[in-house]
Amino acid sequence: MTAFLAPSALPPCPICGRAAEPTIRPFCSKRCADVDLGRWLGGVYRVETPEGPDESGENAPSEDA
């Protein structure tokens, strides 16, 4: 069962700050949703992950050994 929140209870649109539309939340319009998607696809947003010692190359075994 999905609970619908009153428009005033929804956080504002993360792109423009207007009231979010419940059907496409957290955005207020398809345009803002598309702007957000474009930012993800363009590399503006990134999800950081911790690098382990082997991933950074610092503790990798040398090829001379």
PDB file of N, CA and C in Angstrom:
ATOM      1  N   MET A   1       0.844  -1.170   0.000  1.00  0.00           N
ATOM      2  CA  MET A   1       0.000   0.000   0.000  1.00  0.00           C
ATOM      3  C   MET A   1       0.896   1.242   0.000  1.00  0.00           C
ATOM      4  N   THR A   2       0.658   2.134  -0.909  1.00  0.00           N
ATOM      5  CA  THR A   2       1.442   3.355  -1.022  1.00  0.00           C
ATOM      6  C   THR A   2       0.703   4.496  -0.345  1.00  0.00           C
ATOM      7  N   ALA A   3       1.389   5.171   0.542  1.00  0.00           N
ATOM      8  CA  ALA A   3       0.787   6.321   1.226  1.00  0.00           C
ATOM      9  C   ALA A   3       1.093   7.572   0.425  1.00  0.00           C
ATOM     10  N   PHE A   4       0.073   8.377   0.178  1.00  0.00           N
ATOM     11  CA  PHE A   4       0.258   9.639  -0.529  1.00  0.00           C
ATOM     12  C   PHE A   4       0.364  10.758   0.484  1.00  0.00           C
ATOM     13  N   LEU A   5       1.377  11.569   0.335  1.00  0.00           N
ATOM     14  CA  LEU A   5       1.572  12.706   1.221  1.00  0.00           C
ATOM     15  C   LEU A   5       0.917  13.935   0.621  1.00  0.00           C
ATOM     16  N   ALA A   6       0.463  14.810   1.471  1.00  0.00           N
ATOM     17  CA  ALA A   6      -0.080  16.082   1.004  1.00  0.00           C
ATOM     18  C   ALA A   6       1.044  16.862   0.333  1.00  0.00           C
ATOM     19  N   PRO A   7       0.741  17.645  -0.713  1.00  0.00           N
ATOM     20  CA  PRO A   7       1.802  18.393  -1.403  1.00  0.00           C
ATOM     21  C   PRO A   7       2.665  19.232  -0.471  1.00  0.00           C
ATOM     22  N   SER A   8       2.088  19.765   0.591  1.00  0.00           N
ATOM     23  CA  SER A   8       2.878  20.584   1.511  1.00  0.00           C
ATOM     24  C   SER A   8       3.840  19.739   2.341  1.00  0.00           C
ATOM     25  N   ALA A   9       3.585  18.416   2.455  1.00  0.00           N
ATOM     26  CA  ALA A   9       4.442  17.542   3.241  1.00  0.00           C
ATOM     27  C   ALA A   9       5.629  17.023   2.427  1.00  0.00           C
ATOM     28  N   LEU A  10       5.587  17.194   1.108  1.00  0.00           N
ATOM     29  CA  LEU A  10       6.679  16.724   0.267  1.00  0.00           C
ATOM     30  C   LEU A  10       7.828  17.723   0.293  1.00  0.00           C
ATOM     31  N   PRO A  11       9.058  17.236   0.230  1.00  0.00           N
ATOM     32  CA  PRO A  11      10.192  18.170   0.152  1.00  0.00           C
ATOM     33  C   PRO A  11      10.154  18.900  -1.193  1.00  0.00           C
ATOM     34  N   PRO A  12      10.794  20.050  -1.286  1.00  0.00           N
ATOM     35  CA  PRO A  12      10.777  20.795  -2.548  1.00  0.00           C
ATOM     36  C   PRO A  12      11.590  20.088  -3.634  1.00  0.00           C
ATOM     37  N   CYS A  13      11.318  20.455  -4.861  1.00  0.00           N
ATOM     38  CA  CYS A  13      12.037  19.917  -6.020  1.00  0.00           C
ATOM     39  C   CYS A  13      13.529  20.219  -5.855  1.00  0.00           C
ATOM     40  N   PRO A  14      14.405  19.217  -6.001  1.00  0.00           N
ATOM     41  CA  PRO A  14      15.839  19.456  -5.821  1.00  0.00           C
ATOM     42  C   PRO A  14      16.469  20.297  -6.932  1.00  0.00           C
ATOM     43  N   ILE A  15      15.779  20.471  -8.047  1.00  0.00           N
ATOM     44  CA  ILE A  15      16.324  21.238  -9.165  1.00  0.00           C
ATOM     45  C   ILE A  15      15.952  22.709  -9.061  1.00  0.00           C
ATOM     46  N   CYS A  16      14.659  23.003  -8.867  1.00  0.00           N
ATOM     47  CA  CYS A  16      14.224  24.406  -8.902  1.00  0.00           C
ATOM     48  C   CYS A  16      13.667  24.918  -7.581  1.00  0.00           C
ATOM     49  N   GLY A  17      13.354  24.025  -6.644  1.00  0.00           N
ATOM     50  CA  GLY A  17      12.866  24.450  -5.340  1.00  0.00           C
ATOM     51  C   GLY A  17      11.361  24.609  -5.234  1.00  0.00           C
ATOM     52  N   ARG A  18      10.633  24.418  -6.337  1.00  0.00           N
ATOM     53  CA  ARG A  18       9.169  24.511  -6.270  1.00  0.00           C
ATOM     54  C   ARG A  18       8.603  23.281  -5.573  1.00  0.00           C
ATOM     55  N   ALA A  19       7.310  23.312  -5.297  1.00  0.00           N
ATOM     56  CA  ALA A  19       6.646  22.185  -4.642  1.00  0.00           C
ATOM     57  C   ALA A  19       6.709  20.958  -5.546  1.00  0.00           C
ATOM     58  N   ALA A  20       7.047  19.827  -4.967  1.00  0.00           N
ATOM     59  CA  ALA A  20       7.155  18.585  -5.729  1.00  0.00           C
ATOM     60  C   ALA A  20       5.775  18.083  -6.117  1.00  0.00           C
ATOM     61  N   GLU A  21       5.712  17.433  -7.252  1.00  0.00           N
ATOM     62  CA  GLU A  21       4.477  16.825  -7.738  1.00  0.00           C
ATOM     63  C   GLU A  21       4.468  15.372  -7.265  1.00  0.00           C
ATOM     64  N   PRO A  22       3.420  14.941  -6.551  1.00  0.00           N
ATOM     65  CA  PRO A  22       3.421  13.579  -5.996  1.00  0.00           C
ATOM     66  C   PRO A  22       3.602  12.475  -7.044  1.00  0.00           C
ATOM     67  N   THR A  23       3.135  12.694  -8.261  1.00  0.00           N
ATOM     68  CA  THR A  23       3.232  11.637  -9.271  1.00  0.00           C
ATOM     69  C   THR A  23       4.640  11.463  -9.823  1.00  0.00           C
ATOM     70  N   ILE A  24       5.484  12.494  -9.735  1.00  0.00           N
ATOM     71  CA  ILE A  24       6.862  12.392 -10.242  1.00  0.00           C
ATOM     72  C   ILE A  24       7.872  12.839  -9.197  1.00  0.00           C
ATOM     73  N   ARG A  25       7.509  12.661  -7.934  1.00  0.00           N
ATOM     74  CA  ARG A  25       8.391  13.136  -6.871  1.00  0.00           C
ATOM     75  C   ARG A  25       9.755  12.502  -6.968  1.00  0.00           C
ATOM     76  N   PRO A  26      10.782  13.123  -6.596  1.00  0.00           N
ATOM     77  CA  PRO A  26      10.859  14.359  -5.823  1.00  0.00           C
ATOM     78  C   PRO A  26      10.841  15.615  -6.685  1.00  0.00           C
ATOM     79  N   PHE A  27      10.491  15.491  -7.963  1.00  0.00           N
ATOM     80  CA  PHE A  27      10.539  16.637  -8.868  1.00  0.00           C
ATOM     81  C   PHE A  27       9.171  17.284  -9.016  1.00  0.00           C
ATOM     82  N   CYS A  28       9.173  18.514  -9.552  1.00  0.00           N
ATOM     83  CA  CYS A  28       7.922  19.238  -9.762  1.00  0.00           C
ATOM     84  C   CYS A  28       7.408  19.066 -11.185  1.00  0.00           C
ATOM     85  N   SER A  29       8.275  18.683 -12.109  1.00  0.00           N
ATOM     86  CA  SER A  29       7.876  18.561 -13.513  1.00  0.00           C
ATOM     87  C   SER A  29       8.784  17.566 -14.226  1.00  0.00           C
ATOM     88  N   LYS A  30       8.346  17.152 -15.409  1.00  0.00           N
ATOM     89  CA  LYS A  30       9.168  16.257 -16.223  1.00  0.00           C
ATOM     90  C   LYS A  30      10.458  16.956 -16.622  1.00  0.00           C
ATOM     91  N   ARG A  31      10.395  18.254 -16.842  1.00  0.00           N
ATOM     92  CA  ARG A  31      11.590  19.010 -17.212  1.00  0.00           C
ATOM     93  C   ARG A  31      12.660  18.893 -16.129  1.00  0.00           C
ATOM     94  N   CYS A  32      12.280  19.098 -14.864  1.00  0.00           N
ATOM     95  CA  CYS A  32      13.253  18.998 -13.774  1.00  0.00           C
ATOM     96  C   CYS A  32      13.782  17.570 -13.639  1.00  0.00           C
ATOM     97  N   ALA A  33      12.924  16.577 -13.856  1.00  0.00           N
ATOM     98  CA  ALA A  33      13.382  15.189 -13.817  1.00  0.00           C
ATOM     99  C   ALA A  33      14.401  14.940 -14.926  1.00  0.00           C
ATOM    100  N   ASP A  34      14.158  15.508 -16.111  1.00  0.00           N
ATOM    101  CA  ASP A  34      15.094  15.346 -17.226  1.00  0.00           C
ATOM    102  C   ASP A  34      16.409  16.078 -16.977  1.00  0.00           C
ATOM    103  N   VAL A  35      16.346  17.244 -16.343  1.00  0.00           N
ATOM    104  CA  VAL A  35      17.568  17.975 -15.990  1.00  0.00           C
ATOM    105  C   VAL A  35      18.412  17.121 -15.045  1.00  0.00           C
ATOM    106  N   ASP A  36      17.773  16.514 -14.053  1.00  0.00           N
ATOM    107  CA  ASP A  36      18.479  15.665 -13.099  1.00  0.00           C
ATOM    108  C   ASP A  36      19.101  14.456 -13.799  1.00  0.00           C
ATOM    109  N   LEU A  37      18.351  13.823 -14.694  1.00  0.00           N
ATOM    110  CA  LEU A  37      18.879  12.680 -15.437  1.00  0.00           C
ATOM    111  C   LEU A  37      20.086  13.094 -16.268  1.00  0.00           C
ATOM    112  N   GLY A  38      19.993  14.241 -16.915  1.00  0.00           N
ATOM    113  CA  GLY A  38      21.119  14.741 -17.702  1.00  0.00           C
ATOM    114  C   GLY A  38      22.353  14.975 -16.860  1.00  0.00           C
ATOM    115  N   ARG A  39      22.151  15.442 -15.640  1.00  0.00           N
ATOM    116  CA  ARG A  39      23.292  15.655 -14.742  1.00  0.00           C
ATOM    117  C   ARG A  39      23.944  14.333 -14.362  1.00  0.00           C
ATOM    118  N   TRP A  40      23.126  13.300 -14.105  1.00  0.00           N
ATOM    119  CA  TRP A  40      23.688  11.989 -13.792  1.00  0.00           C
ATOM    120  C   TRP A  40      24.454  11.445 -14.988  1.00  0.00           C
ATOM    121  N   LEU A  41      23.846  11.518 -16.166  1.00  0.00           N
ATOM    122  CA  LEU A  41      24.486  10.965 -17.361  1.00  0.00           C
ATOM    123  C   LEU A  41      25.724  11.748 -17.768  1.00  0.00           C
ATOM    124  N   GLY A  42      25.762  13.035 -17.451  1.00  0.00           N
ATOM    125  CA  GLY A  42      26.906  13.870 -17.784  1.00  0.00           C
ATOM    126  C   GLY A  42      28.035  13.803 -16.776  1.00  0.00           C
ATOM    127  N   GLY A  43      27.843  13.065 -15.692  1.00  0.00           N
ATOM    128  CA  GLY A  43      28.896  12.911 -14.695  1.00  0.00           C
ATOM    129  C   GLY A  43      28.972  14.025 -13.675  1.00  0.00           C
ATOM    130  N   VAL A  44      27.936  14.877 -13.617  1.00  0.00           N
ATOM    131  CA  VAL A  44      27.936  15.951 -12.619  1.00  0.00           C
ATOM    132  C   VAL A  44      27.777  15.363 -11.220  1.00  0.00           C
ATOM    133  N   TYR A  45      26.900  14.360 -11.090  1.00  0.00           N
ATOM    134  CA  TYR A  45      26.701  13.690  -9.808  1.00  0.00           C
ATOM    135  C   TYR A  45      27.561  12.437  -9.803  1.00  0.00           C
ATOM    136  N   ARG A  46      28.120  12.129  -8.642  1.00  0.00           N
ATOM    137  CA  ARG A  46      28.923  10.917  -8.503  1.00  0.00           C
ATOM    138  C   ARG A  46      28.626  10.277  -7.163  1.00  0.00           C
ATOM    139  N   VAL A  47      28.663   8.970  -7.133  1.00  0.00           N
ATOM    140  CA  VAL A  47      28.515   8.230  -5.889  1.00  0.00           C
ATOM    141  C   VAL A  47      29.908   7.787  -5.488  1.00  0.00           C
ATOM    142  N   GLU A  48      30.388   8.321  -4.375  1.00  0.00           N
ATOM    143  CA  GLU A  48      31.734   7.983  -3.925  1.00  0.00           C
ATOM    144  C   GLU A  48      31.726   6.637  -3.219  1.00  0.00           C
ATOM    145  N   THR A  49      32.763   5.869  -3.477  1.00  0.00           N
ATOM    146  CA  THR A  49      32.947   4.596  -2.794  1.00  0.00           C
ATOM    147  C   THR A  49      34.363   4.562  -2.237  1.00  0.00           C
ATOM    148  N   PRO A  50      34.546   3.911  -1.107  1.00  0.00           N
ATOM    149  CA  PRO A  50      35.896   3.829  -0.546  1.00  0.00           C
ATOM    150  C   PRO A  50      36.764   2.921  -1.417  1.00  0.00           C
ATOM    151  N   GLU A  51      37.969   3.352  -1.666  1.00  0.00           N
ATOM    152  CA  GLU A  51      38.913   2.536  -2.430  1.00  0.00           C
ATOM    153  C   GLU A  51      39.703   1.667  -1.476  1.00  0.00           C
ATOM    154  N   GLY A  52      39.811   0.405  -1.813  1.00  0.00           N
ATOM    155  CA  GLY A  52      40.646  -0.492  -1.039  1.00  0.00           C
ATOM    156  C   GLY A  52      42.094  -0.307  -1.450  1.00  0.00           C
ATOM    157  N   PRO A  53      43.040  -0.872  -0.695  1.00  0.00           N
ATOM    158  CA  PRO A  53      44.457  -0.697  -1.009  1.00  0.00           C
ATOM    159  C   PRO A  53      44.829  -1.208  -2.402  1.00  0.00           C
ATOM    160  N   ASP A  54      44.210  -2.273  -2.870  1.00  0.00           N
ATOM    161  CA  ASP A  54      44.547  -2.824  -4.181  1.00  0.00           C
ATOM    162  C   ASP A  54      43.965  -1.997  -5.323  1.00  0.00           C
ATOM    163  N   GLU A  55      42.881  -1.296  -5.078  1.00  0.00           N
ATOM    164  CA  GLU A  55      42.236  -0.523  -6.130  1.00  0.00           C
ATOM    165  C   GLU A  55      42.980   0.765  -6.440  1.00  0.00           C
ATOM    166  N   SER A  56      43.673   1.321  -5.463  1.00  0.00           N
ATOM    167  CA  SER A  56      44.355   2.591  -5.681  1.00  0.00           C
ATOM    168  C   SER A  56      45.707   2.414  -6.356  1.00  0.00           C
ATOM    169  N   GLY A  57      46.250   1.207  -6.333  1.00  0.00           N
ATOM    170  CA  GLY A  57      47.536   0.948  -6.960  1.00  0.00           C
ATOM    171  C   GLY A  57      48.714   1.197  -6.038  1.00  0.00           C
ATOM    172  N   GLU A  58      48.490   1.709  -4.842  1.00  0.00           N
ATOM    173  CA  GLU A  58      49.586   2.023  -3.931  1.00  0.00           C
ATOM    174  C   GLU A  58      50.228   0.773  -3.353  1.00  0.00           C
ATOM    175  N   ASN A  59      49.437  -0.222  -3.014  1.00  0.00           N
ATOM    176  CA  ASN A  59      49.962  -1.422  -2.383  1.00  0.00           C
ATOM    177  C   ASN A  59      49.993  -2.608  -3.344  1.00  0.00           C
ATOM    178  N   ALA A  60      49.868  -2.338  -4.617  1.00  0.00           N
ATOM    179  CA  ALA A  60      49.894  -3.417  -5.596  1.00  0.00           C
ATOM    180  C   ALA A  60      51.317  -3.960  -5.708  1.00  0.00           C
ATOM    181  N   PRO A  61      51.458  -5.271  -5.889  1.00  0.00           N
ATOM    182  CA  PRO A  61      52.807  -5.835  -6.034  1.00  0.00           C
ATOM    183  C   PRO A  61      53.462  -5.303  -7.302  1.00  0.00           C
ATOM    184  N   SER A  62      54.749  -5.063  -7.210  1.00  0.00           N
ATOM    185  CA  SER A  62      55.468  -4.543  -8.375  1.00  0.00           C
ATOM    186  C   SER A  62      55.709  -5.669  -9.369  1.00  0.00           C
ATOM    187  N   GLU A  63      55.877  -5.309 -10.620  1.00  0.00           N
ATOM    188  CA  GLU A  63      56.104  -6.304 -11.658  1.00  0.00           C
ATOM    189  C   GLU A  63      57.535  -6.824 -11.640  1.00  0.00           C
ATOM    190  N   ASP A  64      58.433  -6.141 -10.906  1.00  0.00           N
ATOM    191  CA  ASP A  64      59.830  -6.558 -10.832  1.00  0.00           C
ATOM    192  C   ASP A  64      60.014  -7.793  -9.959  1.00  0.00           C
ATOM    193  N   ALA A  65      59.098  -8.067  -9.057  1.00  0.00           N
ATOM    194  CA  ALA A  65      59.262  -9.158  -8.101  1.00  0.00           C
ATOM    195  C   ALA A  65      58.997 -10.498  -8.697  1.00  0.00           C
TER     196      ALA A  65
END
